[in-house]
Amino acid sequence: MNLNLFDQFLSPSLFGIPLFALAISIPWLIFPTPTNRWLNNRLMTLQAWFINQFTRQLIQPLNFGGHKWAVLLTTLMLFLITINLLGLLPYTFTPTTQLSLNMAFAIPLWLTTVLIGLFNKPTVALGHLLPEGTPTPLIPILIIIETISLFIRPLALGVRLTANLTAGHLLMQLIATATFVLITIMPTMALLTSMILFLLTVLEVAVAMIQAYVFILLLSLYLQENV
């Protein structure tokens, strides 16, 4: 039973060909592309408004040096939201449930922010490892603790996104299985579990968007410390 539950997180394949790359490239086909017309349709206007609002909120706490990251972070935000929401559809695959993909996003971006801080403000970047006013006997211990917390950041980014989406999918499958089993035995309980499943689905839609936003927000906070 446990193996069947976790089969949904295996990378799909067709005739022995992995479809992971196809699942990653599909989101970009959904968004409409801008045109040269003076007036856009309602969908393009709504999309442009959302991107402008998010980008403005994202770069507002950053100084001028961090504004060049706006396009990258906004693109990654749209990518994660689209993949997370598409993964809630039946007979689909959610690439962000794979820790390898999330770590492939988290580690290079986190490492880039750290290198930018060491290159632009080495004193301030190294000063984060030792809070001001620390007693002398605690200096070695705090440096070790802060160094470990610094290197745990990308792991926390990837694991947070993976764990939240994986737990939600597993819980939805468990409740859906219970509903199908109880529908012939106890119809009243099946109706109750189906209502719980509907509420959980709404919650998972919110989680899919919130987790993508949290991923980008934490990256922007790491960037804010180093620019």
C-alpha atoms as a PDB file:
ATOM      1  CA  MET A   1       0.000   0.000   0.000  1.00  0.00           C
ATOM      2  CA  ASN A   2       2.809   2.388   0.868  1.00  0.00           C
ATOM      3  CA  LEU A   3       4.524   1.689  -2.432  1.00  0.00           C
ATOM      4  CA  ASN A   4       1.303   2.436  -4.303  1.00  0.00           C
ATOM      5  CA  LEU A   5       0.907   5.754  -2.500  1.00  0.00           C
ATOM      6  CA  PHE A   6       4.401   6.883  -3.413  1.00  0.00           C
ATOM      7  CA  ASP A   7       4.183   5.723  -7.027  1.00  0.00           C
ATOM      8  CA  GLN A   8       2.586   9.056  -7.905  1.00  0.00           C
ATOM      9  CA  PHE A   9       5.902  10.796  -7.178  1.00  0.00           C
ATOM     10  CA  LEU A  10       7.907   8.661  -9.607  1.00  0.00           C
ATOM     11  CA  SER A  11       9.095  10.387 -12.752  1.00  0.00           C
ATOM     12  CA  PRO A  12       6.704   9.357 -15.567  1.00  0.00           C
ATOM     13  CA  SER A  13       7.987   7.758 -18.740  1.00  0.00           C
ATOM     14  CA  LEU A  14       6.549   6.802 -22.111  1.00  0.00           C
ATOM     15  CA  PHE A  15       8.146   3.968 -24.078  1.00  0.00           C
ATOM     16  CA  GLY A  16      11.129   4.224 -21.758  1.00  0.00           C
ATOM     17  CA  ILE A  17      11.542   7.974 -22.422  1.00  0.00           C
ATOM     18  CA  PRO A  18      11.393  10.166 -19.282  1.00  0.00           C
ATOM     19  CA  LEU A  19       8.699  12.845 -19.456  1.00  0.00           C
ATOM     20  CA  PHE A  20      10.265  15.001 -16.753  1.00  0.00           C
ATOM     21  CA  ALA A  21      11.538  17.551 -19.282  1.00  0.00           C
ATOM     22  CA  LEU A  22       8.104  17.737 -20.896  1.00  0.00           C
ATOM     23  CA  ALA A  23       6.454  18.375 -17.525  1.00  0.00           C
ATOM     24  CA  ILE A  24       8.874  21.249 -16.900  1.00  0.00           C
ATOM     25  CA  SER A  25       8.419  22.855 -20.332  1.00  0.00           C
ATOM     26  CA  ILE A  26       4.605  22.670 -20.470  1.00  0.00           C
ATOM     27  CA  PRO A  27       3.990  25.638 -18.091  1.00  0.00           C
ATOM     28  CA  TRP A  28       5.650  28.045 -20.502  1.00  0.00           C
ATOM     29  CA  LEU A  29       3.177  27.054 -23.227  1.00  0.00           C
ATOM     30  CA  ILE A  30       0.213  28.095 -21.083  1.00  0.00           C
ATOM     31  CA  PHE A  31       1.039  31.773 -20.641  1.00  0.00           C
ATOM     32  CA  PRO A  32      -0.021  33.990 -23.535  1.00  0.00           C
ATOM     33  CA  THR A  33       2.766  35.879 -25.253  1.00  0.00           C
ATOM     34  CA  PRO A  34       2.615  39.686 -25.586  1.00  0.00           C
ATOM     35  CA  THR A  35       1.656  41.165 -28.923  1.00  0.00           C
ATOM     36  CA  ASN A  36       2.394  44.428 -30.722  1.00  0.00           C
ATOM     37  CA  ARG A  37      -1.190  45.628 -30.428  1.00  0.00           C
ATOM     38  CA  TRP A  38      -1.994  48.832 -28.592  1.00  0.00           C
ATOM     39  CA  LEU A  39      -4.705  47.152 -26.511  1.00  0.00           C
ATOM     40  CA  ASN A  40      -4.377  43.704 -24.969  1.00  0.00           C
ATOM     41  CA  ASN A  41      -7.170  41.316 -24.097  1.00  0.00           C
ATOM     42  CA  ARG A  42      -8.376  40.807 -20.533  1.00  0.00           C
ATOM     43  CA  LEU A  43      -6.126  37.811 -19.901  1.00  0.00           C
ATOM     44  CA  MET A  44      -2.988  39.660 -20.989  1.00  0.00           C
ATOM     45  CA  THR A  45      -3.982  42.698 -18.937  1.00  0.00           C
ATOM     46  CA  LEU A  46      -4.564  40.557 -15.839  1.00  0.00           C
ATOM     47  CA  GLN A  47      -1.290  38.731 -16.346  1.00  0.00           C
ATOM     48  CA  ALA A  48       0.660  41.975 -16.764  1.00  0.00           C
ATOM     49  CA  TRP A  49      -1.014  43.475 -13.679  1.00  0.00           C
ATOM     50  CA  PHE A  50      -0.136  40.448 -11.549  1.00  0.00           C
ATOM     51  CA  ILE A  51       3.486  40.410 -12.710  1.00  0.00           C
ATOM     52  CA  ASN A  52       3.887  44.157 -12.118  1.00  0.00           C
ATOM     53  CA  GLN A  53       2.352  43.970  -8.640  1.00  0.00           C
ATOM     54  CA  PHE A  54       4.480  41.016  -7.613  1.00  0.00           C
ATOM     55  CA  THR A  55       7.683  42.496  -9.020  1.00  0.00           C
ATOM     56  CA  ARG A  56       7.044  45.824  -7.283  1.00  0.00           C
ATOM     57  CA  GLN A  57       6.438  44.103  -3.954  1.00  0.00           C
ATOM     58  CA  LEU A  58       9.485  41.891  -4.435  1.00  0.00           C
ATOM     59  CA  ILE A  59      12.050  44.608  -5.196  1.00  0.00           C
ATOM     60  CA  GLN A  60      10.659  47.234  -2.824  1.00  0.00           C
ATOM     61  CA  PRO A  61      12.811  46.197   0.185  1.00  0.00           C
ATOM     62  CA  LEU A  62      15.903  45.694  -2.014  1.00  0.00           C
ATOM     63  CA  ASN A  63      18.360  48.406  -2.902  1.00  0.00           C
ATOM     64  CA  PHE A  64      19.214  49.300  -6.481  1.00  0.00           C
ATOM     65  CA  GLY A  65      21.767  46.499  -6.815  1.00  0.00           C
ATOM     66  CA  GLY A  66      19.134  43.851  -6.203  1.00  0.00           C
ATOM     67  CA  HIS A  67      16.660  45.172  -8.791  1.00  0.00           C
ATOM     68  CA  LYS A  68      18.441  43.282 -11.572  1.00  0.00           C
ATOM     69  CA  TRP A  69      17.193  40.064  -9.947  1.00  0.00           C
ATOM     70  CA  ALA A  70      13.542  41.051 -10.459  1.00  0.00           C
ATOM     71  CA  VAL A  71      13.102  39.283 -13.814  1.00  0.00           C
ATOM     72  CA  LEU A  72      14.740  36.067 -12.606  1.00  0.00           C
ATOM     73  CA  LEU A  73      12.771  35.853  -9.362  1.00  0.00           C
ATOM     74  CA  THR A  74       9.463  36.769 -11.003  1.00  0.00           C
ATOM     75  CA  THR A  75       9.985  34.158 -13.717  1.00  0.00           C
ATOM     76  CA  LEU A  76      10.828  31.501 -11.146  1.00  0.00           C
ATOM     77  CA  MET A  77       7.762  32.488  -9.123  1.00  0.00           C
ATOM     78  CA  LEU A  78       5.445  32.022 -12.121  1.00  0.00           C
ATOM     79  CA  PHE A  79       7.143  28.745 -12.980  1.00  0.00           C
ATOM     80  CA  LEU A  80       6.729  27.282  -9.486  1.00  0.00           C
ATOM     81  CA  ILE A  81       3.110  28.420  -9.144  1.00  0.00           C
ATOM     82  CA  THR A  82       2.157  26.958 -12.521  1.00  0.00           C
ATOM     83  CA  ILE A  83       3.861  23.616 -11.878  1.00  0.00           C
ATOM     84  CA  ASN A  84       2.344  23.334  -8.396  1.00  0.00           C
ATOM     85  CA  LEU A  85      -1.169  24.072  -9.643  1.00  0.00           C
ATOM     86  CA  LEU A  86      -0.886  21.764 -12.664  1.00  0.00           C
ATOM     87  CA  GLY A  87       0.201  18.978 -10.330  1.00  0.00           C
ATOM     88  CA  LEU A  88      -3.202  19.109  -8.613  1.00  0.00           C
ATOM     89  CA  LEU A  89      -4.975  18.020 -11.794  1.00  0.00           C
ATOM     90  CA  PRO A  90      -5.805  14.307 -12.211  1.00  0.00           C
ATOM     91  CA  TYR A  91      -3.304  12.130 -14.081  1.00  0.00           C
ATOM     92  CA  THR A  92      -0.572  14.751 -13.867  1.00  0.00           C
ATOM     93  CA  PHE A  93       2.925  14.829 -12.415  1.00  0.00           C
ATOM     94  CA  THR A  94       4.295  17.491 -10.060  1.00  0.00           C
ATOM     95  CA  PRO A  95       8.031  18.033 -10.709  1.00  0.00           C
ATOM     96  CA  THR A  96       8.381  20.137  -7.537  1.00  0.00           C
ATOM     97  CA  THR A  97       7.727  17.028  -5.422  1.00  0.00           C
ATOM     98  CA  GLN A  98      11.213  15.926  -6.497  1.00  0.00           C
ATOM     99  CA  LEU A  99      13.894  17.129  -4.097  1.00  0.00           C
ATOM    100  CA  SER A 100      16.485  17.067  -6.873  1.00  0.00           C
ATOM    101  CA  LEU A 101      14.629  19.731  -8.880  1.00  0.00           C
ATOM    102  CA  ASN A 102      14.048  21.990  -5.874  1.00  0.00           C
ATOM    103  CA  MET A 103      17.665  21.715  -4.769  1.00  0.00           C
ATOM    104  CA  ALA A 104      18.751  22.492  -8.336  1.00  0.00           C
ATOM    105  CA  PHE A 105      16.908  25.793  -7.948  1.00  0.00           C
ATOM    106  CA  ALA A 106      17.845  26.508  -4.334  1.00  0.00           C
ATOM    107  CA  ILE A 107      21.592  25.781  -4.257  1.00  0.00           C
ATOM    108  CA  PRO A 108      22.777  27.868  -7.258  1.00  0.00           C
ATOM    109  CA  LEU A 109      20.614  30.867  -6.349  1.00  0.00           C
ATOM    110  CA  TRP A 110      21.612  30.766  -2.675  1.00  0.00           C
ATOM    111  CA  LEU A 111      25.288  30.336  -3.581  1.00  0.00           C
ATOM    112  CA  THR A 112      25.061  33.286  -5.969  1.00  0.00           C
ATOM    113  CA  THR A 113      23.691  35.549  -3.226  1.00  0.00           C
ATOM    114  CA  VAL A 114      26.502  34.479  -0.889  1.00  0.00           C
ATOM    115  CA  LEU A 115      29.189  35.089  -3.528  1.00  0.00           C
ATOM    116  CA  ILE A 116      27.707  38.491  -4.337  1.00  0.00           C
ATOM    117  CA  GLY A 117      27.895  39.424  -0.664  1.00  0.00           C
ATOM    118  CA  LEU A 118      31.493  38.235  -0.346  1.00  0.00           C
ATOM    119  CA  PHE A 119      32.474  40.113  -3.509  1.00  0.00           C
ATOM    120  CA  ASN A 120      30.670  43.407  -2.842  1.00  0.00           C
ATOM    121  CA  LYS A 121      30.657  43.616   0.961  1.00  0.00           C
ATOM    122  CA  PRO A 122      33.036  41.012   2.381  1.00  0.00           C
ATOM    123  CA  THR A 123      33.196  42.629   5.820  1.00  0.00           C
ATOM    124  CA  VAL A 124      29.427  42.800   6.216  1.00  0.00           C
ATOM    125  CA  ALA A 125      28.950  39.296   4.788  1.00  0.00           C
ATOM    126  CA  LEU A 126      31.450  37.794   7.207  1.00  0.00           C
ATOM    127  CA  GLY A 127      30.059  39.956  10.015  1.00  0.00           C
ATOM    128  CA  HIS A 128      26.781  38.008   9.822  1.00  0.00           C
ATOM    129  CA  LEU A 129      28.645  35.029  11.228  1.00  0.00           C
ATOM    130  CA  LEU A 130      29.342  36.857  14.493  1.00  0.00           C
ATOM    131  CA  PRO A 131      26.696  39.106  16.111  1.00  0.00           C
ATOM    132  CA  GLU A 132      27.949  42.353  17.588  1.00  0.00           C
ATOM    133  CA  GLY A 133      28.611  42.323  21.320  1.00  0.00           C
ATOM    134  CA  THR A 134      29.179  38.573  21.570  1.00  0.00           C
ATOM    135  CA  PRO A 135      31.178  37.553  24.686  1.00  0.00           C
ATOM    136  CA  THR A 136      34.675  36.313  23.895  1.00  0.00           C
ATOM    137  CA  PRO A 137      34.193  32.720  25.146  1.00  0.00           C
ATOM    138  CA  LEU A 138      31.135  32.299  22.897  1.00  0.00           C
ATOM    139  CA  ILE A 139      32.784  33.576  19.704  1.00  0.00           C
ATOM    140  CA  PRO A 140      33.982  30.162  18.352  1.00  0.00           C
ATOM    141  CA  ILE A 141      30.666  28.477  19.166  1.00  0.00           C
ATOM    142  CA  LEU A 142      28.579  31.204  17.536  1.00  0.00           C
ATOM    143  CA  ILE A 143      30.735  31.242  14.412  1.00  0.00           C
ATOM    144  CA  ILE A 144      30.244  27.481  14.024  1.00  0.00           C
ATOM    145  CA  ILE A 145      26.478  27.768  14.626  1.00  0.00           C
ATOM    146  CA  GLU A 146      26.043  30.654  12.186  1.00  0.00           C
ATOM    147  CA  THR A 147      28.146  28.884   9.556  1.00  0.00           C
ATOM    148  CA  ILE A 148      26.011  25.744   9.866  1.00  0.00           C
ATOM    149  CA  SER A 149      22.809  27.802   9.643  1.00  0.00           C
ATOM    150  CA  LEU A 150      24.174  29.516   6.526  1.00  0.00           C
ATOM    151  CA  PHE A 151      24.799  26.224   4.752  1.00  0.00           C
ATOM    152  CA  ILE A 152      21.443  24.799   5.875  1.00  0.00           C
ATOM    153  CA  ARG A 153      19.535  27.575   4.063  1.00  0.00           C
ATOM    154  CA  PRO A 154      19.434  25.952   0.598  1.00  0.00           C
ATOM    155  CA  LEU A 155      18.524  22.601   2.135  1.00  0.00           C
ATOM    156  CA  ALA A 156      15.672  24.233   4.029  1.00  0.00           C
ATOM    157  CA  LEU A 157      14.456  25.913   0.836  1.00  0.00           C
ATOM    158  CA  GLY A 158      14.312  22.689  -1.142  1.00  0.00           C
ATOM    159  CA  VAL A 159      13.010  20.451   1.633  1.00  0.00           C
ATOM    160  CA  ARG A 160      10.267  22.925   2.620  1.00  0.00           C
ATOM    161  CA  LEU A 161       8.829  23.030  -0.895  1.00  0.00           C
ATOM    162  CA  THR A 162       9.152  19.277  -1.404  1.00  0.00           C
ATOM    163  CA  ALA A 163       7.731  18.280   1.973  1.00  0.00           C
ATOM    164  CA  ASN A 164       4.683  20.551   1.818  1.00  0.00           C
ATOM    165  CA  LEU A 165       3.645  19.431  -1.660  1.00  0.00           C
ATOM    166  CA  THR A 166       4.375  15.758  -0.983  1.00  0.00           C
ATOM    167  CA  ALA A 167       2.417  15.738   2.269  1.00  0.00           C
ATOM    168  CA  GLY A 168      -0.555  17.438   0.641  1.00  0.00           C
ATOM    169  CA  HIS A 169      -0.653  14.982  -2.266  1.00  0.00           C
ATOM    170  CA  LEU A 170      -0.389  11.990   0.061  1.00  0.00           C
ATOM    171  CA  LEU A 171      -3.166  13.285   2.304  1.00  0.00           C
ATOM    172  CA  MET A 172      -5.440  13.931  -0.671  1.00  0.00           C
ATOM    173  CA  GLN A 173      -4.841  10.415  -2.008  1.00  0.00           C
ATOM    174  CA  LEU A 174      -5.511   8.842   1.392  1.00  0.00           C
ATOM    175  CA  ILE A 175      -8.797  10.703   1.827  1.00  0.00           C
ATOM    176  CA  ALA A 176      -9.845   9.982  -1.771  1.00  0.00           C
ATOM    177  CA  THR A 177      -9.115   6.276  -1.267  1.00  0.00           C
ATOM    178  CA  ALA A 178     -11.163   6.266   1.941  1.00  0.00           C
ATOM    179  CA  THR A 179     -14.045   7.961   0.110  1.00  0.00           C
ATOM    180  CA  PHE A 180     -14.131   5.325  -2.651  1.00  0.00           C
ATOM    181  CA  VAL A 181     -13.973   2.504  -0.105  1.00  0.00           C
ATOM    182  CA  LEU A 182     -16.742   3.926   2.093  1.00  0.00           C
ATOM    183  CA  ILE A 183     -19.125   4.930  -0.714  1.00  0.00           C
ATOM    184  CA  THR A 184     -20.692   1.436  -0.842  1.00  0.00           C
ATOM    185  CA  ILE A 185     -20.319   0.562   2.834  1.00  0.00           C
ATOM    186  CA  MET A 186     -21.120   3.812   4.654  1.00  0.00           C
ATOM    187  CA  PRO A 187     -22.521   6.449   2.273  1.00  0.00           C
ATOM    188  CA  THR A 188     -22.859   9.026   5.057  1.00  0.00           C
ATOM    189  CA  MET A 189     -19.195   8.752   5.987  1.00  0.00           C
ATOM    190  CA  ALA A 190     -18.270   8.832   2.304  1.00  0.00           C
ATOM    191  CA  LEU A 191     -20.147  12.114   1.927  1.00  0.00           C
ATOM    192  CA  LEU A 192     -18.312  13.521   4.945  1.00  0.00           C
ATOM    193  CA  THR A 193     -14.899  12.446   3.641  1.00  0.00           C
ATOM    194  CA  SER A 194     -15.727  13.868   0.195  1.00  0.00           C
ATOM    195  CA  MET A 195     -16.463  17.235   1.808  1.00  0.00           C
ATOM    196  CA  ILE A 196     -13.158  17.019   3.672  1.00  0.00           C
ATOM    197  CA  LEU A 197     -11.458  16.168   0.372  1.00  0.00           C
ATOM    198  CA  PHE A 198     -12.988  19.225  -1.296  1.00  0.00           C
ATOM    199  CA  LEU A 199     -11.813  21.502   1.524  1.00  0.00           C
ATOM    200  CA  LEU A 200      -8.365  19.918   1.420  1.00  0.00           C
ATOM    201  CA  THR A 201      -8.189  20.498  -2.334  1.00  0.00           C
ATOM    202  CA  VAL A 202      -8.944  24.189  -1.822  1.00  0.00           C
ATOM    203  CA  LEU A 203      -6.254  24.269   0.867  1.00  0.00           C
ATOM    204  CA  GLU A 204      -3.758  22.601  -1.461  1.00  0.00           C
ATOM    205  CA  VAL A 205      -4.419  25.223  -4.134  1.00  0.00           C
ATOM    206  CA  ALA A 206      -3.540  27.880  -1.561  1.00  0.00           C
ATOM    207  CA  VAL A 207      -0.490  25.898  -0.405  1.00  0.00           C
ATOM    208  CA  ALA A 208       0.732  25.533  -4.002  1.00  0.00           C
ATOM    209  CA  MET A 209       0.740  29.316  -4.430  1.00  0.00           C
ATOM    210  CA  ILE A 210       1.962  30.164  -0.929  1.00  0.00           C
ATOM    211  CA  GLN A 211       4.911  27.761  -1.029  1.00  0.00           C
ATOM    212  CA  ALA A 212       6.075  29.192  -4.350  1.00  0.00           C
ATOM    213  CA  TYR A 213       5.830  32.685  -2.884  1.00  0.00           C
ATOM    214  CA  VAL A 214       7.698  31.653   0.290  1.00  0.00           C
ATOM    215  CA  PHE A 215      10.486  30.116  -1.799  1.00  0.00           C
ATOM    216  CA  ILE A 216      11.004  33.370  -3.706  1.00  0.00           C
ATOM    217  CA  LEU A 217      10.531  35.528  -0.607  1.00  0.00           C
ATOM    218  CA  LEU A 218      13.290  33.713   1.280  1.00  0.00           C
ATOM    219  CA  LEU A 219      15.600  34.035  -1.713  1.00  0.00           C
ATOM    220  CA  SER A 220      14.910  37.771  -1.813  1.00  0.00           C
ATOM    221  CA  LEU A 221      15.695  38.018   1.911  1.00  0.00           C
ATOM    222  CA  TYR A 222      18.997  36.219   1.375  1.00  0.00           C
ATOM    223  CA  LEU A 223      19.706  38.595  -1.493  1.00  0.00           C
ATOM    224  CA  GLN A 224      18.806  41.593   0.636  1.00  0.00           C
ATOM    225  CA  GLU A 225      21.528  40.652   3.129  1.00  0.00           C
ATOM    226  CA  ASN A 226      24.218  40.586   0.450  1.00  0.00           C
ATOM    227  CA  VAL A 227      23.483  43.514  -1.899  1.00  0.00           C
END
